[in-house]
Amino acid sequence: VILWNGQSFLFRLSPDFQVWPWSTENDFFISCSLTTLRIGAGDGHFGISLDSDLNMGRSQRCATYNNDPLVPSEDFIIKTLRSGLSPPKSMMSCVPLTTLQSHC
């Protein structure tokens, strides 16, 4: 997910590369609590939901992106998590890419 507004999107690399831009149906881009980080939402489903330990995740179709689930089964184990942000064009510079390794 890049930026937390209408410029954000979900994507998957396999089995085929696919991108789901914001559907404009709602603006539930991101929510977090002490127990979860969620990206995209609608009708109790989340595009991506990660537990607080970043060990387990779930992907479902959600209204924010009208996406297919990002993995074949809804639930998955996180082996490696990479995140990066694209700055607005007015702030273009080197942006570090962070890689988090799970303890599995």
PDB file of N, CA and C in Angstrom:
ATOM      1  N   VAL A   1       0.856  -1.166   0.000  1.00  0.00           N
ATOM      2  CA  VAL A   1       0.000   0.000   0.000  1.00  0.00           C
ATOM      3  C   VAL A   1       0.899   1.224   0.000  1.00  0.00           C
ATOM      4  N   ILE A   2       0.600   2.146  -0.870  1.00  0.00           N
ATOM      5  CA  ILE A   2       1.387   3.370  -0.968  1.00  0.00           C
ATOM      6  C   ILE A   2       0.493   4.557  -0.616  1.00  0.00           C
ATOM      7  N   LEU A   3       0.880   5.342   0.332  1.00  0.00           N
ATOM      8  CA  LEU A   3       0.140   6.492   0.832  1.00  0.00           C
ATOM      9  C   LEU A   3      -1.218   6.068   1.370  1.00  0.00           C
ATOM     10  N   TRP A   4      -1.737   6.790   2.309  1.00  0.00           N
ATOM     11  CA  TRP A   4      -2.994   6.417   2.958  1.00  0.00           C
ATOM     12  C   TRP A   4      -4.100   7.343   2.511  1.00  0.00           C
ATOM     13  N   ASN A   5      -4.327   7.383   1.222  1.00  0.00           N
ATOM     14  CA  ASN A   5      -5.397   8.193   0.647  1.00  0.00           C
ATOM     15  C   ASN A   5      -5.822   7.550  -0.662  1.00  0.00           C
ATOM     16  N   GLY A   6      -6.529   8.284  -1.501  1.00  0.00           N
ATOM     17  CA  GLY A   6      -7.006   7.739  -2.762  1.00  0.00           C
ATOM     18  C   GLY A   6      -5.916   7.323  -3.720  1.00  0.00           C
ATOM     19  N   GLN A   7      -4.651   7.612  -3.407  1.00  0.00           N
ATOM     20  CA  GLN A   7      -3.543   7.174  -4.248  1.00  0.00           C
ATOM     21  C   GLN A   7      -3.031   5.798  -3.828  1.00  0.00           C
ATOM     22  N   SER A   8      -3.611   5.231  -2.786  1.00  0.00           N
ATOM     23  CA  SER A   8      -3.144   3.933  -2.295  1.00  0.00           C
ATOM     24  C   SER A   8      -3.716   2.793  -3.127  1.00  0.00           C
ATOM     25  N   PHE A   9      -3.094   1.633  -3.003  1.00  0.00           N
ATOM     26  CA  PHE A   9      -3.539   0.460  -3.748  1.00  0.00           C
ATOM     27  C   PHE A   9      -3.023  -0.797  -3.072  1.00  0.00           C
ATOM     28  N   LEU A  10      -3.644  -1.915  -3.383  1.00  0.00           N
ATOM     29  CA  LEU A  10      -3.143  -3.228  -2.983  1.00  0.00           C
ATOM     30  C   LEU A  10      -2.596  -3.904  -4.219  1.00  0.00           C
ATOM     31  N   PHE A  11      -1.620  -4.794  -4.035  1.00  0.00           N
ATOM     32  CA  PHE A  11      -1.106  -5.547  -5.181  1.00  0.00           C
ATOM     33  C   PHE A  11      -0.636  -6.919  -4.726  1.00  0.00           C
ATOM     34  N   ARG A  12      -0.514  -7.822  -5.686  1.00  0.00           N
ATOM     35  CA  ARG A  12       0.104  -9.123  -5.439  1.00  0.00           C
ATOM     36  C   ARG A  12       1.015  -9.436  -6.608  1.00  0.00           C
ATOM     37  N   LEU A  13       2.027 -10.239  -6.339  1.00  0.00           N
ATOM     38  CA  LEU A  13       3.006 -10.605  -7.364  1.00  0.00           C
ATOM     39  C   LEU A  13       2.714 -11.948  -8.003  1.00  0.00           C
ATOM     40  N   SER A  14       2.091 -12.868  -7.256  1.00  0.00           N
ATOM     41  CA  SER A  14       1.830 -14.185  -7.833  1.00  0.00           C
ATOM     42  C   SER A  14       0.455 -14.680  -7.384  1.00  0.00           C
ATOM     43  N   PRO A  15      -0.189 -15.524  -8.127  1.00  0.00           N
ATOM     44  CA  PRO A  15       0.348 -16.238  -9.277  1.00  0.00           C
ATOM     45  C   PRO A  15       0.548 -15.335 -10.494  1.00  0.00           C
ATOM     46  N   ASP A  16      -0.104 -14.182 -10.526  1.00  0.00           N
ATOM     47  CA  ASP A  16       0.125 -13.205 -11.586  1.00  0.00           C
ATOM     48  C   ASP A  16       0.111 -11.823 -10.945  1.00  0.00           C
ATOM     49  N   PHE A  17       0.879 -10.905 -11.517  1.00  0.00           N
ATOM     50  CA  PHE A  17       0.930  -9.545 -10.986  1.00  0.00           C
ATOM     51  C   PHE A  17      -0.428  -8.884 -11.185  1.00  0.00           C
ATOM     52  N   GLN A  18      -0.958  -8.322 -10.105  1.00  0.00           N
ATOM     53  CA  GLN A  18      -2.256  -7.668 -10.180  1.00  0.00           C
ATOM     54  C   GLN A  18      -2.276  -6.491  -9.218  1.00  0.00           C
ATOM     55  N   VAL A  19      -2.925  -5.397  -9.625  1.00  0.00           N
ATOM     56  CA  VAL A  19      -3.021  -4.186  -8.816  1.00  0.00           C
ATOM     57  C   VAL A  19      -4.493  -3.819  -8.660  1.00  0.00           C
ATOM     58  N   TRP A  20      -4.870  -3.442  -7.443  1.00  0.00           N
ATOM     59  CA  TRP A  20      -6.223  -2.972  -7.183  1.00  0.00           C
ATOM     60  C   TRP A  20      -6.143  -1.554  -6.629  1.00  0.00           C
ATOM     61  N   PRO A  21      -6.503  -0.550  -7.414  1.00  0.00           N
ATOM     62  CA  PRO A  21      -6.511   0.826  -6.922  1.00  0.00           C
ATOM     63  C   PRO A  21      -7.730   1.066  -6.024  1.00  0.00           C
ATOM     64  N   TRP A  22      -7.775   2.186  -5.392  1.00  0.00           N
ATOM     65  CA  TRP A  22      -8.890   2.584  -4.538  1.00  0.00           C
ATOM     66  C   TRP A  22     -10.184   2.525  -5.330  1.00  0.00           C
ATOM     67  N   SER A  23     -11.197   1.902  -4.779  1.00  0.00           N
ATOM     68  CA  SER A  23     -12.484   1.746  -5.463  1.00  0.00           C
ATOM     69  C   SER A  23     -13.381   2.969  -5.313  1.00  0.00           C
ATOM     70  N   THR A  24     -13.087   3.867  -4.415  1.00  0.00           N
ATOM     71  CA  THR A  24     -13.867   5.056  -4.027  1.00  0.00           C
ATOM     72  C   THR A  24     -15.139   4.697  -3.261  1.00  0.00           C
ATOM     73  N   GLU A  25     -15.363   3.423  -2.977  1.00  0.00           N
ATOM     74  CA  GLU A  25     -16.564   3.012  -2.236  1.00  0.00           C
ATOM     75  C   GLU A  25     -16.514   3.471  -0.776  1.00  0.00           C
ATOM     76  N   ASN A  26     -15.339   3.500  -0.182  1.00  0.00           N
ATOM     77  CA  ASN A  26     -15.150   4.039   1.167  1.00  0.00           C
ATOM     78  C   ASN A  26     -13.702   4.514   1.286  1.00  0.00           C
ATOM     79  N   ASP A  27     -13.378   5.103   2.418  1.00  0.00           N
ATOM     80  CA  ASP A  27     -11.998   5.576   2.606  1.00  0.00           C
ATOM     81  C   ASP A  27     -11.370   4.945   3.850  1.00  0.00           C
ATOM     82  N   PHE A  28     -11.600   3.645   4.021  1.00  0.00           N
ATOM     83  CA  PHE A  28     -11.036   2.905   5.151  1.00  0.00           C
ATOM     84  C   PHE A  28      -9.649   2.387   4.766  1.00  0.00           C
ATOM     85  N   PHE A  29      -8.700   3.286   4.606  1.00  0.00           N
ATOM     86  CA  PHE A  29      -7.374   2.920   4.108  1.00  0.00           C
ATOM     87  C   PHE A  29      -6.552   2.125   5.113  1.00  0.00           C
ATOM     88  N   ILE A  30      -6.519   2.575   6.365  1.00  0.00           N
ATOM     89  CA  ILE A  30      -5.684   1.894   7.361  1.00  0.00           C
ATOM     90  C   ILE A  30      -6.283   2.091   8.743  1.00  0.00           C
ATOM     91  N   SER A  31      -6.192   1.064   9.558  1.00  0.00           N
ATOM     92  CA  SER A  31      -6.563   1.171  10.969  1.00  0.00           C
ATOM     93  C   SER A  31      -5.595   0.298  11.759  1.00  0.00           C
ATOM     94  N   CYS A  32      -5.333   0.708  12.978  1.00  0.00           N
ATOM     95  CA  CYS A  32      -4.440  -0.097  13.805  1.00  0.00           C
ATOM     96  C   CYS A  32      -4.853   0.024  15.261  1.00  0.00           C
ATOM     97  N   SER A  33      -4.499  -0.977  16.002  1.00  0.00           N
ATOM     98  CA  SER A  33      -4.742  -1.017  17.440  1.00  0.00           C
ATOM     99  C   SER A  33      -3.545  -1.724  18.070  1.00  0.00           C
ATOM    100  N   LEU A  34      -3.653  -2.041  19.342  1.00  0.00           N
ATOM    101  CA  LEU A  34      -2.566  -2.769  19.995  1.00  0.00           C
ATOM    102  C   LEU A  34      -2.462  -4.200  19.492  1.00  0.00           C
ATOM    103  N   THR A  35      -3.507  -4.709  18.830  1.00  0.00           N
ATOM    104  CA  THR A  35      -3.513  -6.114  18.412  1.00  0.00           C
ATOM    105  C   THR A  35      -3.492  -6.331  16.907  1.00  0.00           C
ATOM    106  N   THR A  36      -3.821  -5.324  16.103  1.00  0.00           N
ATOM    107  CA  THR A  36      -3.879  -5.535  14.648  1.00  0.00           C
ATOM    108  C   THR A  36      -3.504  -4.291  13.853  1.00  0.00           C
ATOM    109  N   LEU A  37      -3.043  -4.539  12.645  1.00  0.00           N
ATOM    110  CA  LEU A  37      -2.846  -3.512  11.628  1.00  0.00           C
ATOM    111  C   LEU A  37      -3.683  -3.958  10.441  1.00  0.00           C
ATOM    112  N   ARG A  38      -4.602  -3.098   9.976  1.00  0.00           N
ATOM    113  CA  ARG A  38      -5.506  -3.474   8.894  1.00  0.00           C
ATOM    114  C   ARG A  38      -5.444  -2.445   7.782  1.00  0.00           C
ATOM    115  N   ILE A  39      -5.435  -2.943   6.548  1.00  0.00           N
ATOM    116  CA  ILE A  39      -5.390  -2.089   5.365  1.00  0.00           C
ATOM    117  C   ILE A  39      -6.585  -2.437   4.497  1.00  0.00           C
ATOM    118  N   GLY A  40      -7.429  -1.442   4.235  1.00  0.00           N
ATOM    119  CA  GLY A  40      -8.648  -1.666   3.472  1.00  0.00           C
ATOM    120  C   GLY A  40      -9.696  -2.349   4.324  1.00  0.00           C
ATOM    121  N   ALA A  41     -10.980  -1.983   4.132  1.00  0.00           N
ATOM    122  CA  ALA A  41     -12.037  -2.590   4.939  1.00  0.00           C
ATOM    123  C   ALA A  41     -13.391  -2.441   4.261  1.00  0.00           C
ATOM    124  N   GLY A  42     -14.345  -3.149   4.807  1.00  0.00           N
ATOM    125  CA  GLY A  42     -15.731  -3.063   4.375  1.00  0.00           C
ATOM    126  C   GLY A  42     -16.479  -4.323   4.731  1.00  0.00           C
ATOM    127  N   ASP A  43     -17.634  -4.171   5.365  1.00  0.00           N
ATOM    128  CA  ASP A  43     -18.489  -5.296   5.744  1.00  0.00           C
ATOM    129  C   ASP A  43     -17.755  -6.336   6.584  1.00  0.00           C
ATOM    130  N   GLY A  44     -16.866  -5.888   7.464  1.00  0.00           N
ATOM    131  CA  GLY A  44     -16.156  -6.807   8.346  1.00  0.00           C
ATOM    132  C   GLY A  44     -15.016  -7.572   7.704  1.00  0.00           C
ATOM    133  N   HIS A  45     -14.649  -7.205   6.484  1.00  0.00           N
ATOM    134  CA  HIS A  45     -13.537  -7.855   5.785  1.00  0.00           C
ATOM    135  C   HIS A  45     -12.421  -6.835   5.573  1.00  0.00           C
ATOM    136  N   PHE A  46     -11.182  -7.337   5.510  1.00  0.00           N
ATOM    137  CA  PHE A  46     -10.021  -6.460   5.390  1.00  0.00           C
ATOM    138  C   PHE A  46      -9.124  -6.923   4.253  1.00  0.00           C
ATOM    139  N   GLY A  47      -8.607  -5.979   3.472  1.00  0.00           N
ATOM    140  CA  GLY A  47      -7.684  -6.323   2.393  1.00  0.00           C
ATOM    141  C   GLY A  47      -6.473  -7.054   2.934  1.00  0.00           C
ATOM    142  N   ILE A  48      -5.893  -6.507   3.990  1.00  0.00           N
ATOM    143  CA  ILE A  48      -4.788  -7.138   4.712  1.00  0.00           C
ATOM    144  C   ILE A  48      -4.998  -6.868   6.194  1.00  0.00           C
ATOM    145  N   SER A  49      -4.854  -7.888   7.000  1.00  0.00           N
ATOM    146  CA  SER A  49      -4.915  -7.754   8.449  1.00  0.00           C
ATOM    147  C   SER A  49      -3.717  -8.502   9.025  1.00  0.00           C
ATOM    148  N   LEU A  50      -2.913  -7.815   9.841  1.00  0.00           N
ATOM    149  CA  LEU A  50      -1.712  -8.409  10.442  1.00  0.00           C
ATOM    150  C   LEU A  50      -1.841  -8.385  11.958  1.00  0.00           C
ATOM    151  N   ASP A  51      -1.392  -9.447  12.624  1.00  0.00           N
ATOM    152  CA  ASP A  51      -1.434  -9.462  14.079  1.00  0.00           C
ATOM    153  C   ASP A  51      -0.299  -8.608  14.651  1.00  0.00           C
ATOM    154  N   SER A  52      -0.379  -8.336  15.948  1.00  0.00           N
ATOM    155  CA  SER A  52       0.578  -7.422  16.581  1.00  0.00           C
ATOM    156  C   SER A  52       2.004  -7.951  16.599  1.00  0.00           C
ATOM    157  N   ASP A  53       2.185  -9.258  16.497  1.00  0.00           N
ATOM    158  CA  ASP A  53       3.524  -9.840  16.466  1.00  0.00           C
ATOM    159  C   ASP A  53       4.085  -9.940  15.054  1.00  0.00           C
ATOM    160  N   LEU A  54       3.291  -9.576  14.063  1.00  0.00           N
ATOM    161  CA  LEU A  54       3.659  -9.695  12.644  1.00  0.00           C
ATOM    162  C   LEU A  54       4.037 -11.132  12.294  1.00  0.00           C
ATOM    163  N   ASN A  55       3.319 -12.076  12.897  1.00  0.00           N
ATOM    164  CA  ASN A  55       3.520 -13.493  12.592  1.00  0.00           C
ATOM    165  C   ASN A  55       2.423 -14.061  11.705  1.00  0.00           C
ATOM    166  N   MET A  56       1.201 -13.581  11.883  1.00  0.00           N
ATOM    167  CA  MET A  56       0.045 -14.105  11.157  1.00  0.00           C
ATOM    168  C   MET A  56      -0.661 -12.974  10.418  1.00  0.00           C
ATOM    169  N   GLY A  57      -1.272 -13.333   9.292  1.00  0.00           N
ATOM    170  CA  GLY A  57      -2.026 -12.361   8.523  1.00  0.00           C
ATOM    171  C   GLY A  57      -3.250 -12.987   7.900  1.00  0.00           C
ATOM    172  N   ARG A  58      -4.109 -12.133   7.366  1.00  0.00           N
ATOM    173  CA  ARG A  58      -5.316 -12.573   6.669  1.00  0.00           C
ATOM    174  C   ARG A  58      -5.567 -11.580   5.537  1.00  0.00           C
ATOM    175  N   SER A  59      -6.025 -12.084   4.406  1.00  0.00           N
ATOM    176  CA  SER A  59      -6.378 -11.229   3.274  1.00  0.00           C
ATOM    177  C   SER A  59      -7.750 -11.638   2.762  1.00  0.00           C
ATOM    178  N   GLN A  60      -8.616 -10.635   2.605  1.00  0.00           N
ATOM    179  CA  GLN A  60      -9.977 -10.861   2.132  1.00  0.00           C
ATOM    180  C   GLN A  60     -10.343  -9.777   1.119  1.00  0.00           C
ATOM    181  N   ARG A  61     -11.399 -10.034   0.358  1.00  0.00           N
ATOM    182  CA  ARG A  61     -11.933  -8.987  -0.516  1.00  0.00           C
ATOM    183  C   ARG A  61     -12.467  -7.880   0.386  1.00  0.00           C
ATOM    184  N   CYS A  62     -12.172  -6.625   0.054  1.00  0.00           N
ATOM    185  CA  CYS A  62     -12.686  -5.510   0.844  1.00  0.00           C
ATOM    186  C   CYS A  62     -13.205  -4.419  -0.083  1.00  0.00           C
ATOM    187  N   ALA A  63     -14.138  -3.632   0.423  1.00  0.00           N
ATOM    188  CA  ALA A  63     -14.773  -2.586  -0.379  1.00  0.00           C
ATOM    189  C   ALA A  63     -13.802  -1.471  -0.759  1.00  0.00           C
ATOM    190  N   THR A  64     -12.824  -1.179   0.084  1.00  0.00           N
ATOM    191  CA  THR A  64     -11.897  -0.077  -0.196  1.00  0.00           C
ATOM    192  C   THR A  64     -11.182  -0.262  -1.527  1.00  0.00           C
ATOM    193  N   TYR A  65     -10.784  -1.497  -1.833  1.00  0.00           N
ATOM    194  CA  TYR A  65     -10.027  -1.772  -3.061  1.00  0.00           C
ATOM    195  C   TYR A  65     -10.743  -2.727  -4.010  1.00  0.00           C
ATOM    196  N   ASN A  66     -11.874  -3.303  -3.583  1.00  0.00           N
ATOM    197  CA  ASN A  66     -12.592  -4.291  -4.399  1.00  0.00           C
ATOM    198  C   ASN A  66     -11.613  -5.325  -4.962  1.00  0.00           C
ATOM    199  N   ASN A  67     -10.739  -5.791  -4.102  1.00  0.00           N
ATOM    200  CA  ASN A  67      -9.643  -6.700  -4.468  1.00  0.00           C
ATOM    201  C   ASN A  67     -10.030  -8.158  -4.316  1.00  0.00           C
ATOM    202  N   ASP A  68      -9.304  -9.007  -5.007  1.00  0.00           N
ATOM    203  CA  ASP A  68      -9.344 -10.437  -4.713  1.00  0.00           C
ATOM    204  C   ASP A  68      -8.470 -10.651  -3.483  1.00  0.00           C
ATOM    205  N   PRO A  69      -8.685 -11.729  -2.718  1.00  0.00           N
ATOM    206  CA  PRO A  69      -7.743 -12.032  -1.638  1.00  0.00           C
ATOM    207  C   PRO A  69      -6.327 -12.140  -2.214  1.00  0.00           C
ATOM    208  N   LEU A  70      -5.348 -11.694  -1.465  1.00  0.00           N
ATOM    209  CA  LEU A  70      -3.972 -11.645  -1.962  1.00  0.00           C
ATOM    210  C   LEU A  70      -3.255 -12.986  -1.889  1.00  0.00           C
ATOM    211  N   VAL A  71      -3.832 -13.930  -1.162  1.00  0.00           N
ATOM    212  CA  VAL A  71      -3.263 -15.278  -1.039  1.00  0.00           C
ATOM    213  C   VAL A  71      -4.372 -16.299  -1.288  1.00  0.00           C
ATOM    214  N   PRO A  72      -4.011 -17.536  -1.684  1.00  0.00           N
ATOM    215  CA  PRO A  72      -5.031 -18.543  -2.000  1.00  0.00           C
ATOM    216  C   PRO A  72      -5.992 -18.856  -0.843  1.00  0.00           C
ATOM    217  N   SER A  73      -5.470 -18.938   0.383  1.00  0.00           N
ATOM    218  CA  SER A  73      -6.350 -19.122   1.543  1.00  0.00           C
ATOM    219  C   SER A  73      -6.330 -17.816   2.323  1.00  0.00           C
ATOM    220  N   GLU A  74      -7.386 -17.506   3.043  1.00  0.00           N
ATOM    221  CA  GLU A  74      -7.450 -16.219   3.737  1.00  0.00           C
ATOM    222  C   GLU A  74      -6.303 -16.018   4.721  1.00  0.00           C
ATOM    223  N   ASP A  75      -5.960 -17.038   5.481  1.00  0.00           N
ATOM    224  CA  ASP A  75      -4.953 -16.915   6.532  1.00  0.00           C
ATOM    225  C   ASP A  75      -3.573 -17.322   6.028  1.00  0.00           C
ATOM    226  N   PHE A  76      -2.550 -16.635   6.531  1.00  0.00           N
ATOM    227  CA  PHE A  76      -1.183 -16.958   6.125  1.00  0.00           C
ATOM    228  C   PHE A  76      -0.212 -16.659   7.260  1.00  0.00           C
ATOM    229  N   ILE A  77       0.966 -17.254   7.179  1.00  0.00           N
ATOM    230  CA  ILE A  77       2.058 -17.008   8.117  1.00  0.00           C
ATOM    231  C   ILE A  77       3.035 -16.054   7.443  1.00  0.00           C
ATOM    232  N   ILE A  78       3.457 -15.038   8.159  1.00  0.00           N
ATOM    233  CA  ILE A  78       4.381 -14.045   7.616  1.00  0.00           C
ATOM    234  C   ILE A  78       5.809 -14.552   7.786  1.00  0.00           C
ATOM    235  N   LYS A  79       6.534 -14.679   6.688  1.00  0.00           N
ATOM    236  CA  LYS A  79       7.945 -15.078   6.740  1.00  0.00           C
ATOM    237  C   LYS A  79       8.840 -13.852   6.651  1.00  0.00           C
ATOM    238  N   THR A  80       8.536 -12.942   5.743  1.00  0.00           N
ATOM    239  CA  THR A  80       9.287 -11.703   5.569  1.00  0.00           C
ATOM    240  C   THR A  80       8.302 -10.590   5.273  1.00  0.00           C
ATOM    241  N   LEU A  81       8.490  -9.442   5.882  1.00  0.00           N
ATOM    242  CA  LEU A  81       7.622  -8.293   5.651  1.00  0.00           C
ATOM    243  C   LEU A  81       8.483  -7.137   5.176  1.00  0.00           C
ATOM    244  N   ARG A  82       8.164  -6.617   4.016  1.00  0.00           N
ATOM    245  CA  ARG A  82       8.893  -5.466   3.478  1.00  0.00           C
ATOM    246  C   ARG A  82       7.923  -4.311   3.356  1.00  0.00           C
ATOM    247  N   SER A  83       8.362  -3.138   3.732  1.00  0.00           N
ATOM    248  CA  SER A  83       7.512  -1.959   3.590  1.00  0.00           C
ATOM    249  C   SER A  83       8.346  -0.813   3.045  1.00  0.00           C
ATOM    250  N   GLY A  84       7.702   0.035   2.305  1.00  0.00           N
ATOM    251  CA  GLY A  84       8.346   1.218   1.759  1.00  0.00           C
ATOM    252  C   GLY A  84       7.279   2.222   1.391  1.00  0.00           C
ATOM    253  N   LEU A  85       7.612   3.476   1.443  1.00  0.00           N
ATOM    254  CA  LEU A  85       6.669   4.529   1.109  1.00  0.00           C
ATOM    255  C   LEU A  85       7.224   5.376  -0.017  1.00  0.00           C
ATOM    256  N   SER A  86       6.359   5.804  -0.906  1.00  0.00           N
ATOM    257  CA  SER A  86       6.749   6.754  -1.941  1.00  0.00           C
ATOM    258  C   SER A  86       6.371   8.138  -1.454  1.00  0.00           C
ATOM    259  N   PRO A  87       7.323   9.042  -1.372  1.00  0.00           N
ATOM    260  CA  PRO A  87       7.001  10.389  -0.916  1.00  0.00           C
ATOM    261  C   PRO A  87       6.280  11.160  -2.014  1.00  0.00           C
ATOM    262  N   PRO A  88       5.568  12.226  -1.643  1.00  0.00           N
ATOM    263  CA  PRO A  88       4.997  13.094  -2.673  1.00  0.00           C
ATOM    264  C   PRO A  88       6.104  13.594  -3.591  1.00  0.00           C
ATOM    265  N   LYS A  89       5.773  13.902  -4.844  1.00  0.00           N
ATOM    266  CA  LYS A  89       6.784  14.336  -5.815  1.00  0.00           C
ATOM    267  C   LYS A  89       7.581  15.529  -5.312  1.00  0.00           C
ATOM    268  N   SER A  90       6.941  16.389  -4.520  1.00  0.00           N
ATOM    269  CA  SER A  90       7.638  17.565  -4.006  1.00  0.00           C
ATOM    270  C   SER A  90       8.715  17.200  -2.987  1.00  0.00           C
ATOM    271  N   MET A  91       8.715  15.964  -2.501  1.00  0.00           N
ATOM    272  CA  MET A  91       9.682  15.542  -1.494  1.00  0.00           C
ATOM    273  C   MET A  91      10.545  14.392  -1.993  1.00  0.00           C
ATOM    274  N   MET A  92      10.687  14.225  -3.303  1.00  0.00           N
ATOM    275  CA  MET A  92      11.433  13.092  -3.846  1.00  0.00           C
ATOM    276  C   MET A  92      12.868  13.096  -3.343  1.00  0.00           C
ATOM    277  N   SER A  93      13.274  11.989  -2.800  1.00  0.00           N
ATOM    278  CA  SER A  93      14.635  11.766  -2.331  1.00  0.00           C
ATOM    279  C   SER A  93      14.765  10.271  -2.096  1.00  0.00           C
ATOM    280  N   CYS A  94      15.879   9.842  -1.578  1.00  0.00           N
ATOM    281  CA  CYS A  94      16.031   8.421  -1.270  1.00  0.00           C
ATOM    282  C   CYS A  94      15.093   8.054  -0.132  1.00  0.00           C
ATOM    283  N   VAL A  95      14.357   6.982  -0.323  1.00  0.00           N
ATOM    284  CA  VAL A  95      13.451   6.493   0.705  1.00  0.00           C
ATOM    285  C   VAL A  95      13.910   5.098   1.093  1.00  0.00           C
ATOM    286  N   PRO A  96      14.241   4.882   2.360  1.00  0.00           N
ATOM    287  CA  PRO A  96      14.717   3.557   2.758  1.00  0.00           C
ATOM    288  C   PRO A  96      13.610   2.516   2.648  1.00  0.00           C
ATOM    289  N   LEU A  97      13.992   1.313   2.296  1.00  0.00           N
ATOM    290  CA  LEU A  97      13.086   0.172   2.269  1.00  0.00           C
ATOM    291  C   LEU A  97      13.413  -0.675   3.479  1.00  0.00           C
ATOM    292  N   THR A  98      12.433  -0.921   4.307  1.00  0.00           N
ATOM    293  CA  THR A  98      12.632  -1.651   5.547  1.00  0.00           C
ATOM    294  C   THR A  98      12.229  -3.105   5.367  1.00  0.00           C
ATOM    295  N   THR A  99      13.051  -4.013   5.835  1.00  0.00           N
ATOM    296  CA  THR A  99      12.723  -5.435   5.805  1.00  0.00           C
ATOM    297  C   THR A  99      12.691  -5.955   7.231  1.00  0.00           C
ATOM    298  N   LEU A 100      11.585  -6.589   7.593  1.00  0.00           N
ATOM    299  CA  LEU A 100      11.444  -7.186   8.908  1.00  0.00           C
ATOM    300  C   LEU A 100      11.426  -8.695   8.748  1.00  0.00           C
ATOM    301  N   GLN A 101      12.296  -9.390   9.441  1.00  0.00           N
ATOM    302  CA  GLN A 101      12.318 -10.850   9.403  1.00  0.00           C
ATOM    303  C   GLN A 101      11.512 -11.368  10.590  1.00  0.00           C
ATOM    304  N   SER A 102      10.651 -12.320  10.364  1.00  0.00           N
ATOM    305  CA  SER A 102       9.905 -12.917  11.469  1.00  0.00           C
ATOM    306  C   SER A 102      10.807 -13.898  12.216  1.00  0.00           C
ATOM    307  N   HIS A 103      10.349 -14.335  13.342  1.00  0.00           N
ATOM    308  CA  HIS A 103      11.125 -15.249  14.179  1.00  0.00           C
ATOM    309  C   HIS A 103      10.736 -16.698  13.934  1.00  0.00           C
ATOM    310  N   CYS A 104      10.136 -17.003  12.781  1.00  0.00           N
ATOM    311  CA  CYS A 104       9.720 -18.379  12.459  1.00  0.00           C
ATOM    312  C   CYS A 104      10.909 -19.200  12.038  1.00  0.00           C
TER     313      CYS A 104
END
